[in-house]
Amino acid sequence: MHPLIQKAINQLRSNNYRGYFEEMDMIIPSSMSTNYQELKGFFVAGIKNEEFKETLNMFALEVDGKLYKG
């Protein structure tokens, strides 16, 4: 797993959504930018529940998979 992805997931586990997005900002591939901006918009709108947290976790894992696929 990419170290920035691991840091983002750790931030999420600590309920630090801002920290999650700060880490993810540094690594999002351009092909995933639209989806990422949508998730960021939900955060800005104040959505912070377990379902959203799980969605962010899955997204981070998806980004990690894309990074290592090339």
C-alpha atoms as a PDB file:
ATOM      1  CA  MET A   1       0.000   0.000   0.000  1.00  0.00           C
ATOM      2  CA  HIS A   2       1.229   3.465  -0.884  1.00  0.00           C
ATOM      3  CA  PRO A   3       2.374   5.324   2.273  1.00  0.00           C
ATOM      4  CA  LEU A   4       0.103   8.339   1.597  1.00  0.00           C
ATOM      5  CA  ILE A   5      -2.901   6.050   1.217  1.00  0.00           C
ATOM      6  CA  GLN A   6      -2.021   4.377   4.514  1.00  0.00           C
ATOM      7  CA  LYS A   7      -1.733   7.780   6.198  1.00  0.00           C
ATOM      8  CA  ALA A   8      -5.101   8.840   4.765  1.00  0.00           C
ATOM      9  CA  ILE A   9      -6.781   5.668   6.037  1.00  0.00           C
ATOM     10  CA  ASN A  10      -5.192   6.158   9.460  1.00  0.00           C
ATOM     11  CA  GLN A  11      -6.534   9.723   9.552  1.00  0.00           C
ATOM     12  CA  LEU A  12      -9.970   8.402   8.687  1.00  0.00           C
ATOM     13  CA  ARG A  13      -9.796   5.786  11.460  1.00  0.00           C
ATOM     14  CA  SER A  14      -9.106   8.675  13.865  1.00  0.00           C
ATOM     15  CA  ASN A  15     -12.178  10.510  12.509  1.00  0.00           C
ATOM     16  CA  ASN A  16      -9.894  13.160  11.057  1.00  0.00           C
ATOM     17  CA  TYR A  17     -11.661  13.738   7.748  1.00  0.00           C
ATOM     18  CA  ARG A  18      -9.676  16.897   7.026  1.00  0.00           C
ATOM     19  CA  GLY A  19      -6.442  14.935   7.473  1.00  0.00           C
ATOM     20  CA  TYR A  20      -7.761  12.249   5.118  1.00  0.00           C
ATOM     21  CA  PHE A  21      -8.386  14.802   2.379  1.00  0.00           C
ATOM     22  CA  GLU A  22      -5.039  16.509   2.974  1.00  0.00           C
ATOM     23  CA  GLU A  23      -3.228  13.213   2.391  1.00  0.00           C
ATOM     24  CA  MET A  24      -5.386  12.235  -0.569  1.00  0.00           C
ATOM     25  CA  ASP A  25      -4.915  15.657  -2.201  1.00  0.00           C
ATOM     26  CA  MET A  26      -1.274  14.731  -2.771  1.00  0.00           C
ATOM     27  CA  ILE A  27      -1.916  11.494  -4.602  1.00  0.00           C
ATOM     28  CA  ILE A  28      -5.200  11.498  -6.560  1.00  0.00           C
ATOM     29  CA  PRO A  29      -4.672  10.401 -10.172  1.00  0.00           C
ATOM     30  CA  SER A  30      -6.230  12.797 -12.677  1.00  0.00           C
ATOM     31  CA  SER A  31      -8.516  10.017 -13.919  1.00  0.00           C
ATOM     32  CA  MET A  32     -10.142   9.861 -10.455  1.00  0.00           C
ATOM     33  CA  SER A  33     -10.283  13.594  -9.803  1.00  0.00           C
ATOM     34  CA  THR A  34     -13.986  14.023 -10.607  1.00  0.00           C
ATOM     35  CA  ASN A  35     -15.060  11.329  -8.142  1.00  0.00           C
ATOM     36  CA  TYR A  36     -12.671  12.704  -5.556  1.00  0.00           C
ATOM     37  CA  GLN A  37     -14.013  16.249  -5.890  1.00  0.00           C
ATOM     38  CA  GLU A  38     -17.534  14.902  -5.436  1.00  0.00           C
ATOM     39  CA  LEU A  39     -16.533  13.149  -2.197  1.00  0.00           C
ATOM     40  CA  LYS A  40     -14.777  16.304  -1.022  1.00  0.00           C
ATOM     41  CA  GLY A  41     -17.970  18.247  -1.710  1.00  0.00           C
ATOM     42  CA  PHE A  42     -19.932  15.928   0.575  1.00  0.00           C
ATOM     43  CA  PHE A  43     -17.362  16.546   3.305  1.00  0.00           C
ATOM     44  CA  VAL A  44     -17.603  20.329   2.865  1.00  0.00           C
ATOM     45  CA  ALA A  45     -21.396  19.991   3.063  1.00  0.00           C
ATOM     46  CA  GLY A  46     -20.963  18.412   6.495  1.00  0.00           C
ATOM     47  CA  ILE A  47     -21.556  14.737   5.806  1.00  0.00           C
ATOM     48  CA  LYS A  48     -19.623  12.706   8.360  1.00  0.00           C
ATOM     49  CA  ASN A  49     -21.200   9.359   9.182  1.00  0.00           C
ATOM     50  CA  GLU A  50     -20.116   5.723   9.156  1.00  0.00           C
ATOM     51  CA  GLU A  51     -21.422   5.118   5.642  1.00  0.00           C
ATOM     52  CA  PHE A  52     -19.458   8.085   4.288  1.00  0.00           C
ATOM     53  CA  LYS A  53     -16.404   6.968   6.230  1.00  0.00           C
ATOM     54  CA  GLU A  54     -16.632   3.521   4.621  1.00  0.00           C
ATOM     55  CA  THR A  55     -17.061   5.113   1.177  1.00  0.00           C
ATOM     56  CA  LEU A  56     -13.897   7.164   1.722  1.00  0.00           C
ATOM     57  CA  ASN A  57     -12.013   4.078   2.879  1.00  0.00           C
ATOM     58  CA  MET A  58     -13.082   2.111  -0.201  1.00  0.00           C
ATOM     59  CA  PHE A  59     -12.148   5.045  -2.436  1.00  0.00           C
ATOM     60  CA  ALA A  60      -8.664   5.176  -0.901  1.00  0.00           C
ATOM     61  CA  LEU A  61      -8.224   1.458  -1.564  1.00  0.00           C
ATOM     62  CA  GLU A  62      -9.420   1.963  -5.137  1.00  0.00           C
ATOM     63  CA  VAL A  63      -6.867   4.755  -5.633  1.00  0.00           C
ATOM     64  CA  ASP A  64      -4.164   2.524  -4.196  1.00  0.00           C
ATOM     65  CA  GLY A  65      -5.097  -0.246  -6.622  1.00  0.00           C
ATOM     66  CA  LYS A  66      -5.036   2.174  -9.544  1.00  0.00           C
ATOM     67  CA  LEU A  67      -1.601   3.489  -8.548  1.00  0.00           C
ATOM     68  CA  TYR A  68      -0.090   0.044  -8.506  1.00  0.00           C
ATOM     69  CA  LYS A  69      -1.785  -1.011 -11.752  1.00  0.00           C
ATOM     70  CA  GLY A  70      -0.016   1.771 -13.588  1.00  0.00           C
END
